[in-house]
Amino acid sequence: MDSKLRSFFFSCMGTGADLDRYEERTGVNIVQREDVKEAKLADNFEAKIYNDAKQMSEHYITFYCLERSARNIVVGKLKATHGGNWWTTKVPSNIQSNVAHNMQRELDAGVAPRSEDEIDYTNFGELGEIVKANWADFGDMFKSVKAFTKIMANLNVLRGPIAHCSILSEDEILRLQLTVKDWIRLLSK
């Protein structure tokens, strides 16, 4: 570790300890601690459910990053290649229709819209279909349509337990890690 980084790290540790002592001495809370929030939430649920949720949160984060990245790739490529009208000209009509339905359903529910962008109303499988429908535009990014299809199918299956609050087995955790590595490899030149 570089000496400046080490010095900064230890300085922060010292400051944190000083704040803790001050808070104890005065009874004034200066820093909102996450563990206090977690304790309050955990008090409302069975310990096993709460602990399972904490374990699965890591996999949710992985999939969230992966899916957001995939959406950004689709939008970036199609917008750069086909301009601002790419949604109406390059997205299959069945996906456009499904997205319109999803957007209307949220509007009718009276909830805050999740986004102004149609792409955010597609499901993960539909993202893959958009890429395959426009393979000529994505062929330079992804090495093989067969590999792309296989990886997307694996990810879509792995997404189920994560999105529907089930526990991933050790094998499926490993499969998720390997499939994410496959995705990254597929994107690399």
N, C-alpha and C. Protein backbone atom coordinates (compact mmCIF):
# COMPACT_ATOMS: atom_id res chain seq x y z
N MET A 1 0.86 -1.17 0.00
CA MET A 1 0.00 0.00 0.00
C MET A 1 0.90 1.23 0.00
N ASP A 2 0.60 2.15 -0.81
CA ASP A 2 1.36 3.39 -0.93
C ASP A 2 1.24 4.19 0.39
N SER A 3 2.30 4.91 0.75
CA SER A 3 2.35 5.57 2.06
C SER A 3 1.27 6.63 2.23
N LYS A 4 0.93 7.38 1.17
CA LYS A 4 -0.13 8.39 1.28
C LYS A 4 -1.48 7.73 1.52
N LEU A 5 -1.72 6.62 0.82
CA LEU A 5 -2.97 5.90 0.99
C LEU A 5 -3.04 5.32 2.40
N ARG A 6 -1.96 4.73 2.87
CA ARG A 6 -1.90 4.17 4.22
C ARG A 6 -2.17 5.26 5.26
N SER A 7 -1.55 6.42 5.07
CA SER A 7 -1.73 7.53 5.99
C SER A 7 -3.20 7.98 6.01
N PHE A 8 -3.80 8.10 4.81
CA PHE A 8 -5.21 8.49 4.70
C PHE A 8 -6.10 7.46 5.41
N PHE A 9 -5.84 6.20 5.17
CA PHE A 9 -6.62 5.11 5.75
C PHE A 9 -6.59 5.19 7.28
N PHE A 10 -5.40 5.31 7.85
CA PHE A 10 -5.28 5.35 9.30
C PHE A 10 -5.85 6.64 9.88
N SER A 11 -5.76 7.72 9.13
CA SER A 11 -6.35 8.98 9.57
C SER A 11 -7.87 8.84 9.66
N CYS A 12 -8.45 8.20 8.65
CA CYS A 12 -9.90 7.98 8.66
C CYS A 12 -10.32 7.08 9.82
N MET A 13 -9.53 6.04 10.06
CA MET A 13 -9.83 5.15 11.18
C MET A 13 -9.80 5.92 12.49
N GLY A 14 -8.78 6.77 12.66
CA GLY A 14 -8.67 7.56 13.88
C GLY A 14 -9.82 8.52 14.04
N THR A 15 -10.22 9.16 12.95
CA THR A 15 -11.35 10.09 12.98
C THR A 15 -12.63 9.35 13.35
N GLY A 16 -12.81 8.18 12.79
CA GLY A 16 -13.99 7.37 13.11
C GLY A 16 -14.03 7.01 14.58
N ALA A 17 -12.90 6.63 15.13
CA ALA A 17 -12.83 6.29 16.56
C ALA A 17 -13.12 7.52 17.42
N ASP A 18 -12.58 8.68 17.01
CA ASP A 18 -12.85 9.92 17.74
C ASP A 18 -14.34 10.25 17.74
N LEU A 19 -14.98 10.10 16.58
CA LEU A 19 -16.42 10.36 16.49
C LEU A 19 -17.21 9.41 17.39
N ASP A 20 -16.83 8.13 17.39
CA ASP A 20 -17.51 7.16 18.24
C ASP A 20 -17.42 7.57 19.71
N ARG A 21 -16.21 7.94 20.16
CA ARG A 21 -16.03 8.34 21.56
C ARG A 21 -16.85 9.59 21.88
N TYR A 22 -16.88 10.56 20.97
CA TYR A 22 -17.65 11.79 21.18
C TYR A 22 -19.14 11.47 21.31
N GLU A 23 -19.63 10.61 20.39
CA GLU A 23 -21.04 10.25 20.43
C GLU A 23 -21.40 9.54 21.74
N GLU A 24 -20.52 8.65 22.20
CA GLU A 24 -20.76 7.95 23.46
C GLU A 24 -20.79 8.93 24.62
N ARG A 25 -19.83 9.85 24.65
CA ARG A 25 -19.69 10.80 25.75
C ARG A 25 -20.86 11.78 25.81
N THR A 26 -21.32 12.28 24.64
CA THR A 26 -22.33 13.34 24.61
C THR A 26 -23.74 12.83 24.36
N GLY A 27 -23.85 11.64 23.82
CA GLY A 27 -25.16 11.12 23.45
C GLY A 27 -25.70 11.71 22.16
N VAL A 28 -24.86 12.46 21.44
CA VAL A 28 -25.26 13.09 20.18
C VAL A 28 -24.81 12.19 19.03
N ASN A 29 -25.75 11.80 18.17
CA ASN A 29 -25.41 10.98 17.00
C ASN A 29 -25.03 11.89 15.84
N ILE A 30 -23.80 11.77 15.39
CA ILE A 30 -23.30 12.59 14.28
C ILE A 30 -23.40 11.81 12.98
N VAL A 31 -23.11 10.53 13.04
CA VAL A 31 -23.08 9.70 11.84
C VAL A 31 -24.21 8.68 11.90
N GLN A 32 -25.04 8.67 10.85
CA GLN A 32 -26.10 7.65 10.76
C GLN A 32 -25.45 6.35 10.32
N ARG A 33 -25.57 5.35 11.13
CA ARG A 33 -24.92 4.09 10.84
C ARG A 33 -25.90 3.12 10.19
N GLU A 34 -25.42 2.42 9.18
CA GLU A 34 -26.24 1.48 8.43
C GLU A 34 -26.72 0.35 9.32
N ASP A 35 -25.88 -0.10 10.27
CA ASP A 35 -26.27 -1.23 11.11
C ASP A 35 -27.50 -0.92 11.95
N VAL A 36 -27.72 0.35 12.30
CA VAL A 36 -28.91 0.73 13.04
C VAL A 36 -30.14 0.54 12.16
N LYS A 37 -30.06 0.97 10.91
CA LYS A 37 -31.18 0.78 9.98
C LYS A 37 -31.43 -0.70 9.76
N GLU A 38 -30.35 -1.47 9.58
CA GLU A 38 -30.50 -2.91 9.35
C GLU A 38 -31.13 -3.59 10.55
N ALA A 39 -30.73 -3.19 11.75
CA ALA A 39 -31.29 -3.81 12.95
C ALA A 39 -32.79 -3.57 13.02
N LYS A 40 -33.23 -2.37 12.69
CA LYS A 40 -34.66 -2.07 12.72
C LYS A 40 -35.40 -2.92 11.69
N LEU A 41 -34.86 -3.06 10.50
CA LEU A 41 -35.49 -3.89 9.47
C LEU A 41 -35.48 -5.35 9.90
N ALA A 42 -34.35 -5.82 10.39
CA ALA A 42 -34.22 -7.22 10.79
C ALA A 42 -35.19 -7.58 11.89
N ASP A 43 -35.53 -6.62 12.75
CA ASP A 43 -36.46 -6.89 13.86
C ASP A 43 -37.85 -7.26 13.37
N ASN A 44 -38.17 -6.93 12.12
CA ASN A 44 -39.52 -7.18 11.60
C ASN A 44 -39.67 -8.53 10.89
N PHE A 45 -38.58 -9.25 10.71
CA PHE A 45 -38.63 -10.50 9.94
C PHE A 45 -37.90 -11.61 10.68
N GLU A 46 -38.22 -12.84 10.31
CA GLU A 46 -37.49 -13.98 10.86
C GLU A 46 -36.02 -13.85 10.49
N ALA A 47 -35.15 -14.26 11.37
CA ALA A 47 -33.70 -14.13 11.17
C ALA A 47 -33.28 -14.84 9.88
N LYS A 48 -33.83 -16.02 9.60
CA LYS A 48 -33.43 -16.76 8.39
C LYS A 48 -33.79 -15.98 7.13
N ILE A 49 -34.98 -15.41 7.10
CA ILE A 49 -35.40 -14.64 5.92
C ILE A 49 -34.48 -13.44 5.74
N TYR A 50 -34.21 -12.74 6.81
CA TYR A 50 -33.34 -11.55 6.73
C TYR A 50 -31.93 -11.94 6.29
N ASN A 51 -31.39 -12.99 6.86
CA ASN A 51 -30.03 -13.43 6.50
C ASN A 51 -29.96 -13.94 5.06
N ASP A 52 -31.00 -14.63 4.61
CA ASP A 52 -31.06 -15.06 3.20
C ASP A 52 -31.08 -13.85 2.27
N ALA A 53 -31.85 -12.83 2.65
CA ALA A 53 -31.93 -11.61 1.83
C ALA A 53 -30.57 -10.94 1.73
N LYS A 54 -29.85 -10.86 2.84
CA LYS A 54 -28.52 -10.25 2.82
C LYS A 54 -27.58 -11.05 1.92
N GLN A 55 -27.69 -12.36 1.99
CA GLN A 55 -26.85 -13.22 1.13
C GLN A 55 -27.18 -13.01 -0.34
N MET A 56 -28.47 -12.92 -0.66
CA MET A 56 -28.89 -12.78 -2.06
C MET A 56 -28.65 -11.38 -2.60
N SER A 57 -28.50 -10.40 -1.73
CA SER A 57 -28.31 -9.02 -2.19
C SER A 57 -27.07 -8.89 -3.07
N GLU A 58 -26.04 -9.65 -2.78
CA GLU A 58 -24.83 -9.62 -3.61
C GLU A 58 -25.13 -10.04 -5.04
N HIS A 59 -25.97 -11.06 -5.20
CA HIS A 59 -26.29 -11.56 -6.53
C HIS A 59 -27.24 -10.61 -7.25
N TYR A 60 -28.11 -9.96 -6.50
CA TYR A 60 -28.98 -8.94 -7.09
C TYR A 60 -28.13 -7.80 -7.65
N ILE A 61 -27.13 -7.37 -6.89
CA ILE A 61 -26.25 -6.29 -7.34
C ILE A 61 -25.53 -6.70 -8.62
N THR A 62 -25.03 -7.92 -8.66
CA THR A 62 -24.36 -8.42 -9.87
C THR A 62 -25.30 -8.35 -11.06
N PHE A 63 -26.52 -8.84 -10.88
CA PHE A 63 -27.45 -8.87 -12.00
C PHE A 63 -27.93 -7.47 -12.36
N TYR A 64 -28.12 -6.63 -11.40
CA TYR A 64 -28.51 -5.24 -11.68
C TYR A 64 -27.47 -4.58 -12.57
N CYS A 65 -26.20 -4.71 -12.19
CA CYS A 65 -25.11 -4.11 -12.98
C CYS A 65 -25.09 -4.70 -14.39
N LEU A 66 -25.24 -6.00 -14.49
CA LEU A 66 -25.22 -6.67 -15.79
C LEU A 66 -26.37 -6.19 -16.67
N GLU A 67 -27.57 -6.15 -16.13
CA GLU A 67 -28.73 -5.75 -16.92
C GLU A 67 -28.67 -4.28 -17.32
N ARG A 68 -28.26 -3.41 -16.39
CA ARG A 68 -28.13 -1.99 -16.75
C ARG A 68 -27.08 -1.80 -17.83
N SER A 69 -25.99 -2.54 -17.71
CA SER A 69 -24.93 -2.47 -18.72
C SER A 69 -25.45 -2.92 -20.08
N ALA A 70 -26.21 -4.00 -20.09
CA ALA A 70 -26.78 -4.50 -21.36
C ALA A 70 -27.72 -3.47 -21.97
N ARG A 71 -28.53 -2.83 -21.16
CA ARG A 71 -29.44 -1.79 -21.66
C ARG A 71 -28.64 -0.63 -22.27
N ASN A 72 -27.57 -0.22 -21.57
CA ASN A 72 -26.74 0.87 -22.07
C ASN A 72 -26.08 0.51 -23.39
N ILE A 73 -25.66 -0.73 -23.54
CA ILE A 73 -25.04 -1.19 -24.78
C ILE A 73 -26.05 -1.12 -25.92
N VAL A 74 -27.25 -1.62 -25.69
CA VAL A 74 -28.29 -1.62 -26.72
C VAL A 74 -28.62 -0.19 -27.14
N VAL A 75 -28.89 0.66 -26.18
CA VAL A 75 -29.25 2.05 -26.50
C VAL A 75 -28.09 2.75 -27.19
N GLY A 76 -26.90 2.63 -26.63
CA GLY A 76 -25.74 3.31 -27.19
C GLY A 76 -25.47 2.93 -28.64
N LYS A 77 -25.50 1.64 -28.91
CA LYS A 77 -25.20 1.16 -30.25
C LYS A 77 -26.28 1.56 -31.26
N LEU A 78 -27.54 1.31 -30.91
CA LEU A 78 -28.61 1.59 -31.86
C LEU A 78 -28.81 3.09 -32.07
N LYS A 79 -28.65 3.88 -31.02
CA LYS A 79 -28.77 5.33 -31.17
C LYS A 79 -27.62 5.88 -32.01
N ALA A 80 -26.41 5.39 -31.79
CA ALA A 80 -25.25 5.86 -32.56
C ALA A 80 -25.36 5.47 -34.03
N THR A 81 -25.93 4.30 -34.28
CA THR A 81 -26.01 3.79 -35.64
C THR A 81 -27.25 4.30 -36.39
N HIS A 82 -28.37 4.46 -35.69
CA HIS A 82 -29.63 4.76 -36.37
C HIS A 82 -30.29 6.07 -35.93
N GLY A 83 -29.66 6.78 -35.01
CA GLY A 83 -30.20 8.06 -34.59
C GLY A 83 -31.28 7.95 -33.53
N GLY A 84 -31.88 9.08 -33.21
CA GLY A 84 -32.84 9.18 -32.13
C GLY A 84 -34.14 8.42 -32.33
N ASN A 85 -34.44 7.99 -33.54
CA ASN A 85 -35.67 7.28 -33.83
C ASN A 85 -35.46 5.76 -33.80
N TRP A 86 -34.36 5.30 -33.24
CA TRP A 86 -34.00 3.88 -33.27
C TRP A 86 -35.08 3.00 -32.65
N TRP A 87 -35.77 3.48 -31.62
CA TRP A 87 -36.76 2.64 -30.94
C TRP A 87 -37.86 2.21 -31.92
N THR A 88 -38.39 3.14 -32.68
CA THR A 88 -39.50 2.81 -33.58
C THR A 88 -39.05 2.09 -34.84
N THR A 89 -37.79 2.28 -35.24
CA THR A 89 -37.34 1.65 -36.49
C THR A 89 -36.59 0.34 -36.30
N LYS A 90 -36.01 0.11 -35.12
CA LYS A 90 -35.13 -1.06 -34.96
C LYS A 90 -35.61 -2.08 -33.92
N VAL A 91 -36.60 -1.74 -33.12
CA VAL A 91 -37.08 -2.67 -32.09
C VAL A 91 -38.28 -3.43 -32.66
N PRO A 92 -38.26 -4.76 -32.55
CA PRO A 92 -39.39 -5.55 -33.07
C PRO A 92 -40.73 -5.06 -32.50
N SER A 93 -41.75 -5.10 -33.34
CA SER A 93 -43.06 -4.53 -32.97
C SER A 93 -43.67 -5.21 -31.75
N ASN A 94 -43.46 -6.52 -31.58
CA ASN A 94 -44.04 -7.19 -30.41
C ASN A 94 -43.42 -6.67 -29.11
N ILE A 95 -42.15 -6.31 -29.15
CA ILE A 95 -41.49 -5.75 -27.96
C ILE A 95 -42.00 -4.32 -27.73
N GLN A 96 -42.13 -3.55 -28.79
CA GLN A 96 -42.68 -2.19 -28.65
C GLN A 96 -44.08 -2.24 -28.02
N SER A 97 -44.87 -3.19 -28.47
CA SER A 97 -46.23 -3.34 -27.96
C SER A 97 -46.22 -3.73 -26.48
N ASN A 98 -45.38 -4.66 -26.12
CA ASN A 98 -45.27 -5.10 -24.72
C ASN A 98 -44.82 -3.93 -23.83
N VAL A 99 -43.86 -3.16 -24.31
CA VAL A 99 -43.37 -2.00 -23.56
C VAL A 99 -44.48 -0.98 -23.38
N ALA A 100 -45.22 -0.69 -24.44
CA ALA A 100 -46.34 0.26 -24.35
C ALA A 100 -47.35 -0.21 -23.30
N HIS A 101 -47.61 -1.52 -23.29
CA HIS A 101 -48.52 -2.10 -22.30
C HIS A 101 -47.97 -1.91 -20.88
N ASN A 102 -46.69 -2.20 -20.69
CA ASN A 102 -46.06 -2.06 -19.37
C ASN A 102 -46.09 -0.60 -18.89
N MET A 103 -45.82 0.31 -19.79
CA MET A 103 -45.84 1.74 -19.44
C MET A 103 -47.26 2.18 -19.06
N GLN A 104 -48.25 1.73 -19.81
CA GLN A 104 -49.64 2.08 -19.52
C GLN A 104 -50.08 1.47 -18.19
N ARG A 105 -49.68 0.25 -17.92
CA ARG A 105 -50.05 -0.41 -16.67
C ARG A 105 -49.53 0.39 -15.47
N GLU A 106 -48.28 0.89 -15.56
CA GLU A 106 -47.74 1.71 -14.47
C GLU A 106 -48.49 3.04 -14.37
N LEU A 107 -48.79 3.64 -15.50
CA LEU A 107 -49.54 4.90 -15.50
C LEU A 107 -50.90 4.71 -14.84
N ASP A 108 -51.58 3.63 -15.20
CA ASP A 108 -52.90 3.34 -14.64
C ASP A 108 -52.85 3.01 -13.15
N ALA A 109 -51.72 2.51 -12.68
CA ALA A 109 -51.57 2.19 -11.26
C ALA A 109 -51.34 3.43 -10.41
N GLY A 110 -51.02 4.54 -11.07
CA GLY A 110 -50.81 5.78 -10.33
C GLY A 110 -49.49 5.84 -9.60
N VAL A 111 -48.54 4.99 -9.98
CA VAL A 111 -47.22 5.02 -9.35
C VAL A 111 -46.28 5.89 -10.17
N ALA A 112 -45.19 6.27 -9.55
CA ALA A 112 -44.19 7.06 -10.26
C ALA A 112 -43.60 6.21 -11.38
N PRO A 113 -43.52 6.73 -12.58
CA PRO A 113 -42.94 5.96 -13.68
C PRO A 113 -41.49 5.60 -13.38
N ARG A 114 -41.10 4.37 -13.72
CA ARG A 114 -39.73 3.95 -13.44
C ARG A 114 -38.73 4.68 -14.31
N SER A 115 -39.19 5.17 -15.47
CA SER A 115 -38.27 5.81 -16.41
C SER A 115 -39.07 6.49 -17.51
N GLU A 116 -38.40 7.36 -18.23
CA GLU A 116 -38.99 7.95 -19.43
C GLU A 116 -38.54 7.19 -20.67
N ASP A 117 -37.60 6.27 -20.51
CA ASP A 117 -37.02 5.52 -21.63
C ASP A 117 -37.69 4.17 -21.80
N GLU A 118 -38.14 3.91 -23.01
CA GLU A 118 -38.81 2.63 -23.29
C GLU A 118 -37.94 1.43 -22.95
N ILE A 119 -36.64 1.54 -23.16
CA ILE A 119 -35.74 0.40 -22.93
C ILE A 119 -35.84 -0.11 -21.50
N ASP A 120 -36.18 0.78 -20.56
CA ASP A 120 -36.27 0.39 -19.15
C ASP A 120 -37.53 -0.41 -18.85
N TYR A 121 -38.41 -0.53 -19.82
CA TYR A 121 -39.62 -1.33 -19.65
C TYR A 121 -39.51 -2.68 -20.36
N THR A 122 -38.37 -2.97 -20.96
CA THR A 122 -38.16 -4.28 -21.57
C THR A 122 -37.70 -5.24 -20.49
N ASN A 123 -37.97 -6.53 -20.71
CA ASN A 123 -37.42 -7.52 -19.79
C ASN A 123 -36.08 -8.00 -20.34
N PHE A 124 -35.38 -8.78 -19.58
CA PHE A 124 -34.03 -9.19 -19.96
C PHE A 124 -34.04 -9.99 -21.27
N GLY A 125 -35.00 -10.88 -21.41
CA GLY A 125 -35.09 -11.67 -22.64
C GLY A 125 -35.32 -10.79 -23.86
N GLU A 126 -36.12 -9.75 -23.71
CA GLU A 126 -36.39 -8.83 -24.82
C GLU A 126 -35.13 -8.08 -25.24
N LEU A 127 -34.26 -7.77 -24.29
CA LEU A 127 -32.98 -7.12 -24.64
C LEU A 127 -32.20 -8.00 -25.62
N GLY A 128 -32.16 -9.29 -25.33
CA GLY A 128 -31.48 -10.23 -26.22
C GLY A 128 -32.13 -10.29 -27.58
N GLU A 129 -33.45 -10.24 -27.62
CA GLU A 129 -34.16 -10.27 -28.89
C GLU A 129 -33.88 -9.02 -29.72
N ILE A 130 -33.76 -7.89 -29.07
CA ILE A 130 -33.44 -6.64 -29.78
C ILE A 130 -32.06 -6.76 -30.42
N VAL A 131 -31.10 -7.28 -29.67
CA VAL A 131 -29.74 -7.46 -30.23
C VAL A 131 -29.77 -8.42 -31.40
N LYS A 132 -30.43 -9.56 -31.24
CA LYS A 132 -30.46 -10.55 -32.33
C LYS A 132 -31.17 -10.00 -33.57
N ALA A 133 -32.22 -9.20 -33.37
CA ALA A 133 -32.93 -8.61 -34.51
C ALA A 133 -32.07 -7.59 -35.26
N ASN A 134 -31.04 -7.10 -34.59
CA ASN A 134 -30.15 -6.09 -35.17
C ASN A 134 -28.71 -6.57 -35.16
N TRP A 135 -28.52 -7.86 -35.41
CA TRP A 135 -27.19 -8.45 -35.29
C TRP A 135 -26.16 -7.74 -36.16
N ALA A 136 -26.57 -7.25 -37.31
CA ALA A 136 -25.62 -6.55 -38.19
C ALA A 136 -25.00 -5.36 -37.48
N ASP A 137 -25.73 -4.75 -36.55
CA ASP A 137 -25.21 -3.61 -35.80
C ASP A 137 -24.35 -4.04 -34.61
N PHE A 138 -24.59 -5.24 -34.08
CA PHE A 138 -23.91 -5.68 -32.87
C PHE A 138 -22.80 -6.69 -33.13
N GLY A 139 -22.70 -7.18 -34.35
CA GLY A 139 -21.71 -8.21 -34.67
C GLY A 139 -20.28 -7.79 -34.37
N ASP A 140 -20.00 -6.49 -34.42
CA ASP A 140 -18.65 -6.04 -34.12
C ASP A 140 -18.38 -6.00 -32.62
N MET A 141 -19.43 -6.02 -31.80
CA MET A 141 -19.28 -5.98 -30.34
C MET A 141 -19.23 -7.39 -29.75
N PHE A 142 -20.12 -8.23 -30.23
CA PHE A 142 -20.22 -9.59 -29.72
C PHE A 142 -19.62 -10.53 -30.74
N LYS A 143 -18.84 -11.48 -30.30
CA LYS A 143 -18.06 -12.32 -31.20
C LYS A 143 -18.90 -13.34 -31.97
N SER A 144 -20.01 -13.80 -31.38
CA SER A 144 -20.77 -14.88 -31.99
C SER A 144 -22.23 -14.79 -31.58
N VAL A 145 -23.13 -14.89 -32.54
CA VAL A 145 -24.55 -14.86 -32.23
C VAL A 145 -24.94 -16.09 -31.41
N LYS A 146 -24.32 -17.24 -31.69
CA LYS A 146 -24.63 -18.46 -30.92
C LYS A 146 -24.18 -18.30 -29.47
N ALA A 147 -22.97 -17.77 -29.27
CA ALA A 147 -22.47 -17.55 -27.91
C ALA A 147 -23.35 -16.53 -27.20
N PHE A 148 -23.71 -15.45 -27.88
CA PHE A 148 -24.56 -14.43 -27.30
C PHE A 148 -25.89 -15.03 -26.85
N THR A 149 -26.51 -15.81 -27.72
CA THR A 149 -27.80 -16.43 -27.42
C THR A 149 -27.69 -17.37 -26.23
N LYS A 150 -26.64 -18.17 -26.18
CA LYS A 150 -26.43 -19.13 -25.08
C LYS A 150 -26.23 -18.39 -23.76
N ILE A 151 -25.40 -17.37 -23.76
CA ILE A 151 -25.11 -16.63 -22.53
C ILE A 151 -26.37 -15.90 -22.05
N MET A 152 -27.10 -15.26 -22.96
CA MET A 152 -28.33 -14.57 -22.58
C MET A 152 -29.36 -15.56 -22.02
N ALA A 153 -29.46 -16.73 -22.61
CA ALA A 153 -30.41 -17.74 -22.11
C ALA A 153 -30.01 -18.18 -20.70
N ASN A 154 -28.72 -18.42 -20.48
CA ASN A 154 -28.25 -18.81 -19.14
C ASN A 154 -28.54 -17.71 -18.12
N LEU A 155 -28.25 -16.48 -18.50
CA LEU A 155 -28.49 -15.36 -17.59
C LEU A 155 -29.98 -15.20 -17.29
N ASN A 156 -30.81 -15.39 -18.29
CA ASN A 156 -32.25 -15.25 -18.08
C ASN A 156 -32.77 -16.30 -17.10
N VAL A 157 -32.24 -17.53 -17.18
CA VAL A 157 -32.64 -18.58 -16.24
C VAL A 157 -32.15 -18.23 -14.83
N LEU A 158 -30.91 -17.77 -14.73
CA LEU A 158 -30.34 -17.42 -13.42
C LEU A 158 -31.03 -16.21 -12.79
N ARG A 159 -31.60 -15.36 -13.64
CA ARG A 159 -32.27 -14.16 -13.17
C ARG A 159 -33.52 -14.51 -12.36
N GLY A 160 -34.19 -15.59 -12.72
CA GLY A 160 -35.45 -15.98 -12.07
C GLY A 160 -35.39 -16.03 -10.56
N PRO A 161 -34.51 -16.85 -9.98
CA PRO A 161 -34.47 -16.93 -8.52
C PRO A 161 -34.06 -15.60 -7.87
N ILE A 162 -33.23 -14.84 -8.53
CA ILE A 162 -32.79 -13.56 -7.98
C ILE A 162 -33.96 -12.58 -7.96
N ALA A 163 -34.69 -12.51 -9.06
CA ALA A 163 -35.80 -11.56 -9.17
C ALA A 163 -37.01 -11.98 -8.35
N HIS A 164 -37.13 -13.27 -8.05
CA HIS A 164 -38.32 -13.77 -7.37
C HIS A 164 -38.04 -14.26 -5.96
N CYS A 165 -36.98 -13.71 -5.37
CA CYS A 165 -36.70 -13.88 -3.94
C CYS A 165 -36.53 -15.33 -3.51
N SER A 166 -35.76 -16.08 -4.28
CA SER A 166 -35.39 -17.44 -3.90
C SER A 166 -33.88 -17.48 -3.69
N ILE A 167 -33.44 -18.50 -3.01
CA ILE A 167 -32.01 -18.64 -2.72
C ILE A 167 -31.34 -19.39 -3.87
N LEU A 168 -30.18 -18.89 -4.28
CA LEU A 168 -29.37 -19.61 -5.27
C LEU A 168 -28.54 -20.67 -4.56
N SER A 169 -28.51 -21.86 -5.13
CA SER A 169 -27.65 -22.90 -4.57
C SER A 169 -26.19 -22.56 -4.88
N GLU A 170 -25.27 -23.24 -4.22
CA GLU A 170 -23.84 -23.00 -4.48
C GLU A 170 -23.51 -23.20 -5.95
N ASP A 171 -24.09 -24.23 -6.56
CA ASP A 171 -23.83 -24.48 -7.99
C ASP A 171 -24.32 -23.33 -8.86
N GLU A 172 -25.48 -22.77 -8.52
CA GLU A 172 -26.03 -21.68 -9.32
C GLU A 172 -25.27 -20.38 -9.09
N ILE A 173 -24.74 -20.20 -7.90
CA ILE A 173 -23.89 -19.03 -7.65
C ILE A 173 -22.64 -19.12 -8.52
N LEU A 174 -22.04 -20.30 -8.56
CA LEU A 174 -20.87 -20.52 -9.41
C LEU A 174 -21.24 -20.33 -10.88
N ARG A 175 -22.40 -20.85 -11.28
CA ARG A 175 -22.85 -20.71 -12.67
C ARG A 175 -23.05 -19.22 -13.02
N LEU A 176 -23.61 -18.45 -12.08
CA LEU A 176 -23.79 -17.02 -12.31
C LEU A 176 -22.43 -16.34 -12.48
N GLN A 177 -21.49 -16.66 -11.61
CA GLN A 177 -20.16 -16.05 -11.71
C GLN A 177 -19.49 -16.40 -13.04
N LEU A 178 -19.60 -17.64 -13.44
CA LEU A 178 -18.99 -18.06 -14.71
C LEU A 178 -19.70 -17.44 -15.91
N THR A 179 -21.01 -17.34 -15.85
CA THR A 179 -21.76 -16.76 -16.96
C THR A 179 -21.47 -15.27 -17.09
N VAL A 180 -21.31 -14.57 -15.98
CA VAL A 180 -20.93 -13.16 -16.04
C VAL A 180 -19.54 -13.03 -16.67
N LYS A 181 -18.64 -13.92 -16.31
CA LYS A 181 -17.31 -13.92 -16.95
C LYS A 181 -17.43 -14.20 -18.45
N ASP A 182 -18.33 -15.12 -18.82
CA ASP A 182 -18.57 -15.39 -20.24
C ASP A 182 -19.07 -14.13 -20.95
N TRP A 183 -19.98 -13.40 -20.31
CA TRP A 183 -20.52 -12.16 -20.87
C TRP A 183 -19.40 -11.15 -21.11
N ILE A 184 -18.56 -10.99 -20.12
CA ILE A 184 -17.45 -10.03 -20.23
C ILE A 184 -16.49 -10.46 -21.34
N ARG A 185 -16.23 -11.74 -21.40
CA ARG A 185 -15.35 -12.28 -22.44
C ARG A 185 -15.97 -12.07 -23.84
N LEU A 186 -17.28 -12.25 -23.93
CA LEU A 186 -17.98 -12.08 -25.20
C LEU A 186 -17.84 -10.65 -25.71
N LEU A 187 -17.82 -9.69 -24.78
CA LEU A 187 -17.71 -8.29 -25.15
C LEU A 187 -16.28 -7.86 -25.47
N SER A 188 -15.31 -8.61 -24.98
CA SER A 188 -13.93 -8.19 -25.17
C SER A 188 -13.42 -8.64 -26.53
N LYS A 189 -12.52 -7.84 -27.06
CA LYS A 189 -11.97 -8.12 -28.40
C LYS A 189 -10.81 -9.08 -28.28
